[in-house]
Amino acid sequence: MLKCNQIKTLRRQTNDLWIRGWLRMAGPSGFGRVCGWIASRSIAPYHQRGNLARMSPRGFVAPSAVVTHPKLVRGIHVYIGDKTMIQDAGAGGEIKLMDHVHIYGDSFIESGMGGEIRIEDETHIQPGCHVHAFQSCIQIGRKVEIAAQCAFYSYNHMTDLGTIIMDQPLSSKGDIVVRDGAWIGHGVTVLSGVTIGEGAVIGAGSVVTNDVPDYAIAAGVPAVVVKIRGNPSGDNEQ
């Protein structure tokens, strides 16, 4: 007779085969959504479902996600979580999610007016983030950790007097660039024309309007450098 641990192993292996079978047919629309729902129905949302993307090179798109961007490019093992929206707002450039990118639930990713988005390998975007590339591009490096409720805007409205803000054209100061290994804290807003350096840390609730050097810790509204990582004196001199 099979021992208890052997039975558990057999059940786990059988369940994995069942899930992998449905993952092969899962996708962002039509019958693929049904297959995705079956594959994920026994797995809790959020990080646990991220494991589904690791089980298949095709990755996993949650059935409740709305993925309509015609120029979306996905690498292998990409995870797009529940109720995430990825769309073209009109004349948008490519959105590229490279290998092992995870975008967790309730996030909104869009490009328009020639803006493009590129997110490099193994970057994780936590729930409720907004990434909007209009006129200029947004480039997020490898292994960047972006906490919940962050926002990236590569554009702004003009604010000239005499015209209602809604009727004014958009403007941009240039691309947003976040380099490898940065950590963007909860609720951070990053505006156009900003580069956040490699390994930099942005404190929760900050608004980044100017460049942040490599390995700096910056915080505040607007964000200013308060320390360089690895410098115990707290002196901002590199």
Protein backbone atom coordinates (compact mmCIF):
# COMPACT_ATOMS: atom_id res chain seq x y z
CA MET A 1 0.00 0.00 0.00
CA LEU A 2 1.05 3.56 -0.63
CA LYS A 3 2.23 5.50 2.39
CA CYS A 4 0.61 8.80 3.36
CA ASN A 5 3.51 10.93 2.06
CA GLN A 6 3.50 9.00 -1.21
CA ILE A 7 -0.20 9.69 -1.65
CA LYS A 8 0.37 13.39 -1.02
CA THR A 9 3.19 13.46 -3.56
CA LEU A 10 1.04 11.67 -6.14
CA ARG A 11 -1.84 14.11 -5.59
CA ARG A 12 0.50 17.09 -5.94
CA GLN A 13 2.00 15.71 -9.15
CA THR A 14 -1.44 14.98 -10.57
CA ASN A 15 -2.64 18.47 -9.69
CA ASP A 16 0.44 20.02 -11.33
CA LEU A 17 -0.20 18.04 -14.52
CA TRP A 18 -3.84 19.20 -14.48
CA ILE A 19 -2.83 22.84 -14.09
CA ARG A 20 -0.09 22.66 -16.72
CA GLY A 21 -2.55 21.16 -19.17
CA TRP A 22 -4.95 24.07 -18.83
CA LEU A 23 -2.10 26.60 -18.86
CA ARG A 24 -1.09 25.41 -22.32
CA MET A 25 -4.46 26.65 -23.60
CA ALA A 26 -4.84 29.72 -21.36
CA GLY A 27 -4.80 33.21 -22.85
CA PRO A 28 -6.16 36.76 -22.52
CA SER A 29 -9.35 36.27 -24.53
CA GLY A 30 -12.12 33.85 -25.48
CA PHE A 31 -11.59 30.20 -24.64
CA GLY A 32 -8.17 31.08 -23.22
CA ARG A 33 -9.87 32.98 -20.39
CA VAL A 34 -11.91 29.91 -19.51
CA CYS A 35 -8.77 27.78 -19.46
CA GLY A 36 -7.02 30.36 -17.28
CA TRP A 37 -9.93 30.36 -14.84
CA ILE A 38 -9.83 26.58 -14.53
CA ALA A 39 -6.05 26.58 -14.04
CA SER A 40 -6.20 29.23 -11.30
CA ARG A 41 -9.47 28.49 -9.49
CA SER A 42 -7.85 26.46 -6.69
CA ILE A 43 -5.01 28.96 -6.15
CA ALA A 44 -5.33 32.08 -4.01
CA PRO A 45 -4.89 35.43 -5.82
CA TYR A 46 -1.88 37.75 -5.71
CA HIS A 47 1.59 36.22 -5.18
CA GLN A 48 0.34 32.63 -5.14
CA ARG A 49 -1.00 32.92 -8.68
CA GLY A 50 2.31 34.38 -9.77
CA ASN A 51 3.60 30.82 -9.51
CA LEU A 52 1.39 29.91 -12.47
CA ALA A 53 3.60 32.05 -14.70
CA ARG A 54 6.63 30.09 -13.56
CA MET A 55 4.98 26.82 -14.61
CA SER A 56 4.75 27.73 -18.29
CA PRO A 57 7.01 29.70 -20.67
CA ARG A 58 3.80 31.28 -21.99
CA GLY A 59 3.31 32.85 -18.58
CA PHE A 60 -0.12 33.55 -17.15
CA VAL A 61 -2.71 36.25 -17.80
CA ALA A 62 -5.47 36.33 -15.17
CA PRO A 63 -8.95 35.78 -16.64
CA SER A 64 -10.13 39.09 -15.15
CA ALA A 65 -7.29 41.07 -16.76
CA VAL A 66 -8.13 43.27 -19.76
CA VAL A 67 -5.27 43.05 -22.25
CA THR A 68 -6.12 44.82 -25.52
CA HIS A 69 -2.90 46.59 -26.55
CA PRO A 70 -2.10 45.50 -30.13
CA LYS A 71 1.64 46.09 -29.66
CA LEU A 72 2.12 44.20 -26.41
CA VAL A 73 5.23 42.01 -26.44
CA ARG A 74 5.65 39.43 -23.68
CA GLY A 75 8.76 37.48 -22.80
CA ILE A 76 8.67 34.09 -21.11
CA HIS A 77 7.07 33.42 -17.72
CA VAL A 78 5.33 36.83 -17.55
CA TYR A 79 2.53 37.23 -15.01
CA ILE A 80 -0.35 39.68 -15.50
CA GLY A 81 -2.58 39.70 -12.43
CA ASP A 82 -6.27 40.08 -11.69
CA LYS A 83 -8.09 43.14 -13.05
CA THR A 84 -4.93 44.57 -14.60
CA MET A 85 -5.52 46.68 -17.71
CA ILE A 86 -3.00 46.98 -20.56
CA GLN A 87 -4.28 49.17 -23.39
CA ASP A 88 -3.48 51.57 -26.23
CA ALA A 89 -4.87 55.06 -25.62
CA GLY A 90 -4.35 55.99 -29.27
CA ALA A 91 -1.20 55.89 -31.41
CA GLY A 92 0.63 54.21 -28.57
CA GLY A 93 4.01 52.59 -29.07
CA GLU A 94 5.03 49.12 -27.98
CA ILE A 95 4.67 47.82 -24.47
CA LYS A 96 7.38 45.24 -23.81
CA LEU A 97 7.28 43.03 -20.74
CA MET A 98 10.51 41.07 -20.72
CA ASP A 99 11.17 37.66 -19.14
CA HIS A 100 9.74 36.92 -15.67
CA VAL A 101 8.07 40.34 -15.25
CA HIS A 102 5.22 40.20 -12.71
CA ILE A 103 2.43 42.79 -12.73
CA TYR A 104 0.06 42.19 -9.83
CA GLY A 105 -3.63 43.03 -9.65
CA ASP A 106 -5.53 46.23 -10.32
CA SER A 107 -2.66 47.89 -12.20
CA PHE A 108 -3.15 50.07 -15.30
CA ILE A 109 -0.53 50.11 -18.05
CA GLU A 110 -1.07 52.21 -21.19
CA SER A 111 0.76 53.99 -23.97
CA GLY A 112 -0.40 56.75 -26.30
CA MET A 113 0.78 59.49 -28.64
CA GLY A 114 3.96 57.62 -29.53
CA GLY A 115 4.97 56.77 -25.97
CA GLU A 116 6.49 53.35 -25.33
CA ILE A 117 6.99 51.21 -22.23
CA ARG A 118 9.74 48.68 -21.64
CA ILE A 119 10.03 46.70 -18.41
CA GLU A 120 13.11 44.53 -18.11
CA ASP A 121 13.61 41.00 -16.72
CA GLU A 122 12.39 40.01 -13.25
CA THR A 123 10.87 43.37 -12.32
CA HIS A 124 7.84 43.16 -10.03
CA ILE A 125 5.04 45.72 -9.96
CA GLN A 126 2.76 45.40 -6.95
CA PRO A 127 -1.03 46.03 -6.97
CA GLY A 128 -2.69 49.27 -7.96
CA CYS A 129 0.15 50.85 -9.93
CA HIS A 130 -0.32 53.16 -12.94
CA VAL A 131 2.22 53.36 -15.77
CA HIS A 132 1.23 55.90 -18.48
CA ALA A 133 3.57 56.70 -21.38
CA PHE A 134 2.42 59.55 -23.63
CA GLN A 135 4.74 61.51 -25.96
CA SER A 136 7.82 60.15 -24.14
CA CYS A 137 8.83 56.65 -23.08
CA ILE A 138 9.07 54.82 -19.78
CA GLN A 139 11.98 52.41 -19.31
CA ILE A 140 12.15 50.32 -16.15
CA GLY A 141 15.24 48.21 -15.61
CA ARG A 142 15.94 44.70 -14.43
CA LYS A 143 14.97 43.44 -10.95
CA VAL A 144 13.25 46.69 -9.99
CA GLU A 145 10.83 46.37 -7.06
CA ILE A 146 7.84 48.72 -7.37
CA ALA A 147 5.55 48.82 -4.35
CA ALA A 148 1.77 49.18 -4.45
CA GLN A 149 -0.03 52.34 -5.60
CA CYS A 150 2.91 53.88 -7.47
CA ALA A 151 2.38 56.05 -10.56
CA PHE A 152 4.60 56.89 -13.54
CA TYR A 153 3.57 59.70 -15.91
CA SER A 154 5.82 60.63 -18.84
CA TYR A 155 3.63 63.66 -19.61
CA ASN A 156 1.68 66.52 -18.07
CA HIS A 157 -1.05 69.00 -19.05
CA MET A 158 -0.09 72.53 -20.03
CA THR A 159 -1.31 75.09 -17.50
CA ASP A 160 -1.48 78.33 -19.48
CA LEU A 161 -4.01 80.89 -18.28
CA GLY A 162 -7.11 81.51 -20.36
CA THR A 163 -7.78 77.91 -21.36
CA ILE A 164 -9.47 75.19 -19.33
CA ILE A 165 -6.87 72.60 -18.26
CA MET A 166 -8.82 69.78 -19.91
CA ASP A 167 -8.62 71.58 -23.26
CA GLN A 168 -4.87 72.20 -23.12
CA PRO A 169 -2.35 69.99 -24.95
CA LEU A 170 -0.05 67.55 -23.22
CA SER A 171 3.61 68.27 -22.68
CA SER A 172 6.60 66.19 -21.62
CA LYS A 173 10.05 66.85 -20.20
CA GLY A 174 11.35 63.56 -21.59
CA ASP A 175 11.59 59.88 -20.82
CA ILE A 176 11.30 58.28 -17.41
CA VAL A 177 14.18 55.85 -16.76
CA VAL A 178 14.44 53.58 -13.73
CA ARG A 179 17.71 51.69 -13.69
CA ASP A 180 18.40 48.13 -12.51
CA GLY A 181 17.83 47.11 -8.92
CA ALA A 182 15.97 50.22 -7.76
CA TRP A 183 13.25 50.05 -5.11
CA ILE A 184 10.28 52.40 -5.45
CA GLY A 185 8.34 52.63 -2.18
CA HIS A 186 4.59 52.62 -1.63
CA GLY A 187 2.62 55.41 -3.27
CA VAL A 188 5.53 57.07 -5.10
CA THR A 189 4.80 59.30 -8.13
CA VAL A 190 7.49 59.63 -10.81
CA LEU A 191 7.15 62.48 -13.35
CA SER A 192 8.54 62.99 -16.84
CA GLY A 193 12.20 63.63 -17.57
CA VAL A 194 13.41 61.79 -14.46
CA THR A 195 16.13 59.14 -14.19
CA ILE A 196 16.26 57.03 -11.03
CA GLY A 197 19.70 55.51 -10.68
CA GLU A 198 20.80 51.93 -10.28
CA GLY A 199 20.08 50.55 -6.82
CA ALA A 200 18.36 53.75 -5.67
CA VAL A 201 15.60 53.70 -3.03
CA ILE A 202 12.63 56.08 -3.12
CA GLY A 203 10.76 56.54 0.16
CA ALA A 204 7.02 55.91 0.42
CA GLY A 205 4.76 58.75 -0.70
CA SER A 206 7.49 60.69 -2.49
CA VAL A 207 7.07 62.70 -5.70
CA VAL A 208 10.16 62.40 -7.90
CA THR A 209 10.68 65.47 -10.09
CA ASN A 210 14.49 65.39 -10.47
CA ASP A 211 17.13 62.76 -11.15
CA VAL A 212 18.19 60.47 -8.31
CA PRO A 213 21.80 59.19 -8.38
CA ASP A 214 22.85 55.55 -8.25
CA TYR A 215 22.47 53.96 -4.78
CA ALA A 216 20.90 57.08 -3.30
CA ILE A 217 18.00 57.10 -0.85
CA ALA A 218 15.56 59.90 -1.69
CA ALA A 219 12.31 60.94 -0.03
CA GLY A 220 9.86 63.80 0.21
CA VAL A 221 7.68 66.06 -1.92
CA PRO A 222 9.58 66.81 -4.04
CA ALA A 223 12.00 63.97 -3.36
CA VAL A 224 15.53 64.92 -2.29
CA VAL A 225 18.53 62.72 -1.59
CA VAL A 226 18.84 62.05 2.15
CA LYS A 227 21.61 59.46 2.08
CA ILE A 228 23.82 57.36 -0.16
CA ARG A 229 23.42 53.64 0.49
CA GLY A 230 26.41 52.18 2.27
CA ASN A 231 27.47 55.53 3.74
CA PRO A 232 26.91 55.19 7.51
CA SER A 233 27.60 58.87 8.18
CA GLY A 234 24.54 59.93 6.22
CA ASP A 235 26.69 62.39 4.26
CA ASN A 236 25.27 62.81 0.75
CA GLU A 237 28.74 63.07 -0.77
CA GLN A 238 29.55 60.01 -2.90
